[in-house]
Amino acid sequence: MPDKERRRNNAQADDAQLRAGLTPEQLATLATLEHFRWTLRFVRRPLFQIPVPVVFHADGRYAVLEPDGSVNDNPGFEIRRPEE
């Protein structure tokens, strides 16, 4: 069982790293979205620009959390998806 516990701790650390640097407004919106099956999948960190958190819904949709906490479902870039 030690391996299973290690993975869970790594997942918690990864989640904390993803959330680091998000604004309080983004964190509040994320908490609300998580109740509706959205998850924070990754954060784009362009050089010399603010982080861009990307959330995904269980049905495959994605959106960006803007710094003010608003949800942008048309962020102006495409997400590469693994081929099915």
N, C-alpha and C. Protein backbone atom coordinates (compact mmCIF):
# COMPACT_ATOMS: atom_id res chain seq x y z
N MET A 1 0.79 -1.22 0.00
CA MET A 1 0.00 0.00 0.00
C MET A 1 0.84 1.29 0.00
N PRO A 2 2.11 1.27 0.32
CA PRO A 2 2.86 2.52 0.32
C PRO A 2 2.85 3.22 -1.03
N ASP A 3 2.89 2.44 -2.14
CA ASP A 3 2.89 3.05 -3.47
C ASP A 3 1.61 3.84 -3.71
N LYS A 4 0.48 3.28 -3.28
CA LYS A 4 -0.79 3.97 -3.47
C LYS A 4 -0.81 5.29 -2.71
N GLU A 5 -0.30 5.29 -1.49
CA GLU A 5 -0.27 6.52 -0.70
C GLU A 5 0.63 7.56 -1.34
N ARG A 6 1.76 7.13 -1.90
CA ARG A 6 2.69 8.05 -2.53
C ARG A 6 2.02 8.73 -3.72
N ARG A 7 1.28 7.97 -4.53
CA ARG A 7 0.61 8.56 -5.68
C ARG A 7 -0.43 9.58 -5.24
N ARG A 8 -1.15 9.29 -4.18
CA ARG A 8 -2.16 10.23 -3.71
C ARG A 8 -1.49 11.52 -3.25
N ASN A 9 -0.37 11.42 -2.55
CA ASN A 9 0.34 12.62 -2.11
C ASN A 9 0.87 13.40 -3.29
N ASN A 10 1.36 12.71 -4.32
CA ASN A 10 1.82 13.40 -5.52
C ASN A 10 0.68 14.11 -6.21
N ALA A 11 -0.47 13.48 -6.26
CA ALA A 11 -1.64 14.11 -6.88
C ALA A 11 -2.03 15.37 -6.11
N GLN A 12 -1.97 15.30 -4.78
CA GLN A 12 -2.29 16.48 -3.98
C GLN A 12 -1.27 17.58 -4.21
N ALA A 13 0.01 17.20 -4.32
CA ALA A 13 1.06 18.19 -4.57
C ALA A 13 0.87 18.81 -5.95
N ASP A 14 0.56 17.99 -6.96
CA ASP A 14 0.32 18.50 -8.31
C ASP A 14 -0.84 19.48 -8.32
N ASP A 15 -1.91 19.15 -7.60
CA ASP A 15 -3.08 20.02 -7.53
C ASP A 15 -2.70 21.35 -6.87
N ALA A 16 -1.90 21.28 -5.82
CA ALA A 16 -1.47 22.50 -5.14
C ALA A 16 -0.59 23.35 -6.06
N GLN A 17 0.27 22.71 -6.84
CA GLN A 17 1.10 23.45 -7.79
C GLN A 17 0.26 24.12 -8.87
N LEU A 18 -0.76 23.42 -9.35
CA LEU A 18 -1.64 24.01 -10.37
C LEU A 18 -2.35 25.24 -9.83
N ARG A 19 -2.79 25.16 -8.58
CA ARG A 19 -3.55 26.26 -7.99
C ARG A 19 -2.66 27.43 -7.56
N ALA A 20 -1.36 27.17 -7.38
CA ALA A 20 -0.45 28.23 -6.95
C ALA A 20 -0.41 29.33 -8.01
N GLY A 21 -0.55 30.54 -7.57
CA GLY A 21 -0.50 31.66 -8.50
C GLY A 21 -1.83 32.08 -9.07
N LEU A 22 -2.90 31.31 -8.79
CA LEU A 22 -4.22 31.72 -9.26
C LEU A 22 -4.74 32.83 -8.35
N THR A 23 -5.54 33.70 -8.91
CA THR A 23 -6.12 34.79 -8.12
C THR A 23 -7.21 34.24 -7.21
N PRO A 24 -7.54 34.95 -6.14
CA PRO A 24 -8.65 34.51 -5.28
C PRO A 24 -9.95 34.34 -6.06
N GLU A 25 -10.17 35.20 -7.05
CA GLU A 25 -11.38 35.10 -7.87
C GLU A 25 -11.39 33.82 -8.69
N GLN A 26 -10.24 33.47 -9.26
CA GLN A 26 -10.13 32.22 -10.03
C GLN A 26 -10.36 31.02 -9.13
N LEU A 27 -9.80 31.05 -7.93
CA LEU A 27 -9.97 29.93 -7.00
C LEU A 27 -11.43 29.78 -6.58
N ALA A 28 -12.13 30.89 -6.38
CA ALA A 28 -13.54 30.82 -6.01
C ALA A 28 -14.37 30.24 -7.15
N THR A 29 -14.10 30.68 -8.37
CA THR A 29 -14.81 30.16 -9.53
C THR A 29 -14.52 28.68 -9.71
N LEU A 30 -13.25 28.29 -9.54
CA LEU A 30 -12.87 26.89 -9.67
C LEU A 30 -13.62 26.02 -8.66
N ALA A 31 -13.73 26.49 -7.43
CA ALA A 31 -14.46 25.74 -6.41
C ALA A 31 -15.91 25.52 -6.83
N THR A 32 -16.53 26.53 -7.42
CA THR A 32 -17.91 26.40 -7.89
C THR A 32 -17.99 25.43 -9.06
N LEU A 33 -17.08 25.58 -10.02
CA LEU A 33 -17.10 24.71 -11.21
C LEU A 33 -16.89 23.24 -10.85
N GLU A 34 -16.08 22.98 -9.83
CA GLU A 34 -15.81 21.60 -9.44
C GLU A 34 -17.08 20.87 -9.00
N HIS A 35 -18.06 21.62 -8.52
CA HIS A 35 -19.35 21.02 -8.15
C HIS A 35 -20.12 20.56 -9.39
N PHE A 36 -19.74 21.08 -10.55
CA PHE A 36 -20.42 20.75 -11.80
C PHE A 36 -19.54 19.91 -12.72
N ARG A 37 -18.61 19.14 -12.13
CA ARG A 37 -17.76 18.17 -12.82
C ARG A 37 -16.71 18.80 -13.72
N TRP A 38 -16.28 20.03 -13.43
CA TRP A 38 -15.16 20.64 -14.12
C TRP A 38 -13.91 20.38 -13.28
N THR A 39 -12.76 20.21 -13.95
CA THR A 39 -11.50 20.02 -13.22
C THR A 39 -10.42 20.91 -13.83
N LEU A 40 -9.54 21.37 -12.96
CA LEU A 40 -8.38 22.13 -13.41
C LEU A 40 -7.38 21.14 -13.97
N ARG A 41 -7.14 21.18 -15.26
CA ARG A 41 -6.30 20.18 -15.91
C ARG A 41 -4.86 20.66 -16.02
N PHE A 42 -4.67 21.92 -16.42
CA PHE A 42 -3.32 22.46 -16.50
C PHE A 42 -3.37 23.98 -16.48
N VAL A 43 -2.21 24.59 -16.29
CA VAL A 43 -2.09 26.04 -16.29
C VAL A 43 -0.99 26.41 -17.28
N ARG A 44 -1.35 27.16 -18.29
CA ARG A 44 -0.35 27.68 -19.23
C ARG A 44 0.35 28.83 -18.53
N ARG A 45 1.65 28.85 -18.61
CA ARG A 45 2.42 29.90 -17.97
C ARG A 45 3.32 30.57 -19.01
N PRO A 46 2.71 31.43 -19.87
CA PRO A 46 3.51 32.11 -20.89
C PRO A 46 4.53 33.05 -20.24
N LEU A 47 5.70 33.14 -20.84
CA LEU A 47 6.78 33.96 -20.31
C LEU A 47 6.34 35.42 -20.21
N PHE A 48 6.56 36.01 -19.05
CA PHE A 48 6.25 37.42 -18.78
C PHE A 48 4.77 37.76 -18.89
N GLN A 49 3.90 36.76 -18.75
CA GLN A 49 2.46 36.99 -18.78
C GLN A 49 1.81 36.29 -17.60
N ILE A 50 0.56 36.62 -17.35
CA ILE A 50 -0.15 36.00 -16.24
C ILE A 50 -0.47 34.54 -16.58
N PRO A 51 -0.56 33.67 -15.57
CA PRO A 51 -0.92 32.27 -15.81
C PRO A 51 -2.33 32.16 -16.40
N VAL A 52 -2.53 31.12 -17.22
CA VAL A 52 -3.81 30.88 -17.87
C VAL A 52 -4.31 29.50 -17.46
N PRO A 53 -5.17 29.43 -16.42
CA PRO A 53 -5.69 28.14 -15.98
C PRO A 53 -6.75 27.61 -16.94
N VAL A 54 -6.63 26.32 -17.31
CA VAL A 54 -7.56 25.69 -18.25
C VAL A 54 -8.32 24.60 -17.51
N VAL A 55 -9.64 24.69 -17.55
CA VAL A 55 -10.50 23.70 -16.90
C VAL A 55 -11.22 22.88 -17.96
N PHE A 56 -11.46 21.62 -17.63
CA PHE A 56 -12.15 20.70 -18.53
C PHE A 56 -13.39 20.16 -17.85
N HIS A 57 -14.43 19.97 -18.64
CA HIS A 57 -15.65 19.33 -18.15
C HIS A 57 -15.58 17.85 -18.50
N ALA A 58 -16.33 17.05 -17.80
CA ALA A 58 -16.34 15.61 -18.04
C ALA A 58 -16.80 15.26 -19.46
N ASP A 59 -17.56 16.15 -20.10
CA ASP A 59 -18.04 15.87 -21.46
C ASP A 59 -17.07 16.31 -22.55
N GLY A 60 -15.88 16.82 -22.17
CA GLY A 60 -14.85 17.17 -23.14
C GLY A 60 -14.72 18.65 -23.43
N ARG A 61 -15.63 19.47 -22.95
CA ARG A 61 -15.51 20.92 -23.15
C ARG A 61 -14.35 21.46 -22.32
N TYR A 62 -13.81 22.60 -22.74
CA TYR A 62 -12.78 23.25 -21.94
C TYR A 62 -13.02 24.75 -21.94
N ALA A 63 -12.44 25.42 -20.94
CA ALA A 63 -12.57 26.86 -20.81
C ALA A 63 -11.36 27.39 -20.05
N VAL A 64 -11.20 28.69 -20.10
CA VAL A 64 -10.12 29.37 -19.38
C VAL A 64 -10.74 30.19 -18.26
N LEU A 65 -10.07 30.19 -17.11
CA LEU A 65 -10.49 31.05 -16.02
C LEU A 65 -9.73 32.37 -16.13
N GLU A 66 -10.44 33.44 -16.37
CA GLU A 66 -9.83 34.75 -16.50
C GLU A 66 -9.41 35.26 -15.12
N PRO A 67 -8.48 36.23 -15.05
CA PRO A 67 -8.01 36.73 -13.76
C PRO A 67 -9.11 37.25 -12.84
N ASP A 68 -10.21 37.76 -13.43
CA ASP A 68 -11.31 38.27 -12.61
C ASP A 68 -12.27 37.17 -12.16
N GLY A 69 -11.98 35.92 -12.53
CA GLY A 69 -12.83 34.80 -12.13
C GLY A 69 -13.88 34.43 -13.15
N SER A 70 -13.98 35.18 -14.22
CA SER A 70 -14.97 34.83 -15.24
C SER A 70 -14.48 33.62 -16.04
N VAL A 71 -15.44 32.93 -16.67
CA VAL A 71 -15.14 31.74 -17.45
C VAL A 71 -15.20 32.10 -18.92
N ASN A 72 -14.12 31.83 -19.64
CA ASN A 72 -14.02 32.12 -21.07
C ASN A 72 -14.05 30.80 -21.82
N ASP A 73 -15.18 30.49 -22.44
CA ASP A 73 -15.28 29.22 -23.17
C ASP A 73 -14.87 29.35 -24.63
N ASN A 74 -14.34 30.52 -25.01
CA ASN A 74 -13.80 30.74 -26.35
C ASN A 74 -12.47 31.48 -26.20
N PRO A 75 -11.44 30.80 -25.69
CA PRO A 75 -10.20 31.49 -25.32
C PRO A 75 -9.30 31.91 -26.49
N GLY A 76 -9.59 31.49 -27.69
CA GLY A 76 -8.78 31.89 -28.81
C GLY A 76 -7.62 30.96 -29.12
N PHE A 77 -7.61 29.81 -28.51
CA PHE A 77 -6.61 28.79 -28.85
C PHE A 77 -7.26 27.42 -28.74
N GLU A 78 -6.71 26.49 -29.49
CA GLU A 78 -7.22 25.13 -29.51
C GLU A 78 -6.40 24.25 -28.55
N ILE A 79 -7.06 23.26 -28.00
CA ILE A 79 -6.39 22.28 -27.14
C ILE A 79 -6.21 21.03 -27.96
N ARG A 80 -4.97 20.54 -28.00
CA ARG A 80 -4.73 19.28 -28.69
C ARG A 80 -5.26 18.15 -27.82
N ARG A 81 -6.02 17.29 -28.42
CA ARG A 81 -6.60 16.16 -27.70
C ARG A 81 -5.98 14.87 -28.22
N PRO A 82 -5.77 13.91 -27.33
CA PRO A 82 -5.23 12.64 -27.81
C PRO A 82 -6.20 11.98 -28.79
N GLU A 83 -5.66 11.33 -29.80
CA GLU A 83 -6.51 10.67 -30.76
C GLU A 83 -7.22 9.50 -30.12
N GLU A 84 -8.46 9.33 -30.47
CA GLU A 84 -9.26 8.25 -29.87
C GLU A 84 -9.29 7.05 -30.77
